[in-house]
Amino acid sequence: MLRARRNGRNLDEFFCPNEACSDYRKKGKGNIVLKEHYGKQNTALLRCKTCKKTFSEKRGTPFFR
């Protein structure tokens, strides 16, 4: 898994959306990594290293389905 920038955005701007995680809603902890890309728009699938849950970069936005 890679720690990288996504479309010019630093992964430290993302946080874990899992309420049971000790890093829930904490930005800049270094726990969010890029797992893979998926779909026609090459959407990033992110993973929290603390709780091991995965989530879309679009989660919590109007673009999430």
N, C-alpha and C. Protein backbone atom coordinates (compact mmCIF):
# COMPACT_ATOMS: atom_id res chain seq x y z
N MET A 1 0.85 -1.18 0.00
CA MET A 1 0.00 0.00 0.00
C MET A 1 0.89 1.24 0.00
N LEU A 2 0.42 2.26 -0.65
CA LEU A 2 1.22 3.46 -0.85
C LEU A 2 0.68 4.63 -0.05
N ARG A 3 1.57 5.41 0.45
CA ARG A 3 1.18 6.67 1.07
C ARG A 3 1.48 7.73 0.03
N ALA A 4 0.47 8.38 -0.45
CA ALA A 4 0.69 9.26 -1.60
C ALA A 4 -0.31 10.40 -1.62
N ARG A 5 -0.20 11.16 -2.68
CA ARG A 5 -1.15 12.24 -2.93
C ARG A 5 -2.17 11.72 -3.91
N ARG A 6 -3.39 12.15 -3.80
CA ARG A 6 -4.46 11.74 -4.70
C ARG A 6 -5.00 12.97 -5.37
N ASN A 7 -4.84 13.07 -6.69
CA ASN A 7 -5.31 14.23 -7.46
C ASN A 7 -4.85 15.54 -6.83
N GLY A 8 -3.60 15.58 -6.40
CA GLY A 8 -3.06 16.79 -5.81
C GLY A 8 -3.41 16.98 -4.34
N ARG A 9 -4.16 16.04 -3.78
CA ARG A 9 -4.55 16.15 -2.36
C ARG A 9 -3.70 15.21 -1.53
N ASN A 10 -3.20 15.69 -0.45
CA ASN A 10 -2.43 14.89 0.47
C ASN A 10 -3.37 13.96 1.22
N LEU A 11 -2.98 12.71 1.44
CA LEU A 11 -3.84 11.77 2.15
C LEU A 11 -4.06 12.17 3.61
N ASP A 12 -3.23 13.06 4.13
CA ASP A 12 -3.44 13.55 5.50
C ASP A 12 -4.72 14.40 5.61
N GLU A 13 -5.31 14.75 4.48
CA GLU A 13 -6.57 15.50 4.50
C GLU A 13 -7.77 14.58 4.77
N PHE A 14 -7.56 13.26 4.66
CA PHE A 14 -8.64 12.30 4.89
C PHE A 14 -8.58 11.79 6.32
N PHE A 15 -9.72 11.30 6.80
CA PHE A 15 -9.77 10.71 8.14
C PHE A 15 -10.59 9.43 8.09
N CYS A 16 -10.44 8.61 9.11
CA CYS A 16 -11.17 7.35 9.17
C CYS A 16 -12.64 7.64 9.51
N PRO A 17 -13.57 7.12 8.69
CA PRO A 17 -14.99 7.35 8.94
C PRO A 17 -15.62 6.30 9.87
N ASN A 18 -14.83 5.38 10.38
CA ASN A 18 -15.33 4.31 11.25
C ASN A 18 -15.43 4.81 12.70
N GLU A 19 -16.64 4.93 13.20
CA GLU A 19 -16.84 5.47 14.56
C GLU A 19 -16.19 4.61 15.64
N ALA A 20 -15.95 3.34 15.37
CA ALA A 20 -15.34 2.45 16.36
C ALA A 20 -13.81 2.55 16.38
N CYS A 21 -13.24 3.28 15.44
CA CYS A 21 -11.79 3.42 15.33
C CYS A 21 -11.27 4.48 16.30
N SER A 22 -10.11 4.22 16.87
CA SER A 22 -9.52 5.20 17.80
C SER A 22 -9.03 6.45 17.06
N ASP A 23 -8.88 6.36 15.74
CA ASP A 23 -8.49 7.52 14.94
C ASP A 23 -9.66 8.12 14.17
N TYR A 24 -10.87 7.84 14.57
CA TYR A 24 -12.08 8.35 13.93
C TYR A 24 -12.04 9.88 13.88
N ARG A 25 -12.21 10.42 12.66
CA ARG A 25 -12.27 11.85 12.39
C ARG A 25 -11.00 12.62 12.78
N LYS A 26 -9.87 11.94 12.87
CA LYS A 26 -8.60 12.60 13.19
C LYS A 26 -7.76 12.69 11.93
N LYS A 27 -7.56 13.89 11.45
CA LYS A 27 -6.77 14.11 10.24
C LYS A 27 -5.28 14.21 10.59
N GLY A 28 -4.44 13.86 9.62
CA GLY A 28 -3.01 14.04 9.77
C GLY A 28 -2.32 13.05 10.68
N LYS A 29 -2.94 11.92 10.96
CA LYS A 29 -2.34 10.92 11.85
C LYS A 29 -1.43 9.94 11.10
N GLY A 30 -1.46 9.98 9.76
CA GLY A 30 -0.63 9.06 8.98
C GLY A 30 -1.21 7.66 8.88
N ASN A 31 -2.45 7.50 9.30
CA ASN A 31 -3.07 6.18 9.29
C ASN A 31 -3.83 5.87 8.01
N ILE A 32 -4.02 6.84 7.12
CA ILE A 32 -4.76 6.62 5.88
C ILE A 32 -3.77 6.36 4.75
N VAL A 33 -3.96 5.23 4.06
CA VAL A 33 -3.10 4.86 2.95
C VAL A 33 -3.95 4.52 1.73
N LEU A 34 -3.35 4.62 0.57
CA LEU A 34 -4.00 4.25 -0.67
C LEU A 34 -3.93 2.74 -0.83
N LYS A 35 -5.09 2.09 -0.94
CA LYS A 35 -5.12 0.65 -1.14
C LYS A 35 -5.11 0.32 -2.63
N GLU A 36 -6.00 0.95 -3.39
CA GLU A 36 -6.09 0.71 -4.83
C GLU A 36 -6.99 1.74 -5.47
N HIS A 37 -7.09 1.70 -6.77
CA HIS A 37 -8.01 2.54 -7.53
C HIS A 37 -9.06 1.64 -8.16
N TYR A 38 -10.26 2.18 -8.37
CA TYR A 38 -11.32 1.39 -8.99
C TYR A 38 -12.23 2.29 -9.82
N GLY A 39 -12.99 1.65 -10.72
CA GLY A 39 -13.99 2.36 -11.51
C GLY A 39 -13.43 3.14 -12.68
N LYS A 40 -14.36 3.63 -13.50
CA LYS A 40 -14.00 4.39 -14.70
C LYS A 40 -13.31 5.71 -14.39
N GLN A 41 -13.62 6.27 -13.23
CA GLN A 41 -13.02 7.55 -12.86
C GLN A 41 -11.78 7.40 -11.99
N ASN A 42 -11.29 6.15 -11.87
CA ASN A 42 -10.06 5.88 -11.13
C ASN A 42 -10.14 6.37 -9.68
N THR A 43 -11.24 6.11 -9.04
CA THR A 43 -11.49 6.54 -7.66
C THR A 43 -10.56 5.79 -6.71
N ALA A 44 -10.03 6.49 -5.73
CA ALA A 44 -9.13 5.87 -4.76
C ALA A 44 -9.92 5.15 -3.68
N LEU A 45 -9.47 3.93 -3.39
CA LEU A 45 -9.98 3.19 -2.25
C LEU A 45 -8.93 3.34 -1.16
N LEU A 46 -9.31 3.95 -0.06
CA LEU A 46 -8.38 4.25 1.02
C LEU A 46 -8.55 3.25 2.15
N ARG A 47 -7.52 3.08 2.96
CA ARG A 47 -7.57 2.13 4.08
C ARG A 47 -6.99 2.79 5.32
N CYS A 48 -7.65 2.56 6.44
CA CYS A 48 -7.15 3.03 7.74
C CYS A 48 -6.24 1.95 8.31
N LYS A 49 -5.00 2.29 8.60
CA LYS A 49 -4.06 1.31 9.16
C LYS A 49 -4.40 0.96 10.61
N THR A 50 -5.16 1.81 11.28
CA THR A 50 -5.51 1.57 12.67
C THR A 50 -6.56 0.48 12.81
N CYS A 51 -7.67 0.63 12.07
CA CYS A 51 -8.79 -0.33 12.21
C CYS A 51 -8.91 -1.26 11.01
N LYS A 52 -8.12 -1.04 9.97
CA LYS A 52 -8.09 -1.88 8.76
C LYS A 52 -9.32 -1.75 7.88
N LYS A 53 -10.19 -0.78 8.11
CA LYS A 53 -11.38 -0.58 7.28
C LYS A 53 -11.01 0.18 6.02
N THR A 54 -11.72 -0.12 4.93
CA THR A 54 -11.51 0.59 3.67
C THR A 54 -12.71 1.47 3.38
N PHE A 55 -12.45 2.54 2.63
CA PHE A 55 -13.51 3.47 2.26
C PHE A 55 -13.10 4.25 1.03
N SER A 56 -14.08 4.74 0.29
CA SER A 56 -13.85 5.51 -0.92
C SER A 56 -13.41 6.93 -0.58
N GLU A 57 -12.58 7.49 -1.45
CA GLU A 57 -12.19 8.89 -1.27
C GLU A 57 -13.40 9.82 -1.37
N LYS A 58 -14.48 9.33 -1.98
CA LYS A 58 -15.68 10.14 -2.17
C LYS A 58 -16.68 10.01 -1.02
N ARG A 59 -16.40 9.16 -0.06
CA ARG A 59 -17.32 8.98 1.07
C ARG A 59 -17.51 10.31 1.79
N GLY A 60 -18.75 10.61 2.12
CA GLY A 60 -19.04 11.86 2.81
C GLY A 60 -19.19 13.06 1.89
N THR A 61 -19.16 12.81 0.57
CA THR A 61 -19.34 13.90 -0.39
C THR A 61 -20.62 13.65 -1.20
N PRO A 62 -21.09 14.66 -1.90
CA PRO A 62 -22.29 14.46 -2.75
C PRO A 62 -22.04 13.46 -3.89
N PHE A 63 -20.79 13.12 -4.17
CA PHE A 63 -20.46 12.23 -5.27
C PHE A 63 -20.48 10.75 -4.86
N PHE A 64 -20.63 10.47 -3.56
CA PHE A 64 -20.63 9.09 -3.08
C PHE A 64 -21.99 8.45 -3.32
N ARG A 65 -21.98 7.24 -3.85
CA ARG A 65 -23.24 6.52 -4.11
C ARG A 65 -23.44 5.43 -3.11
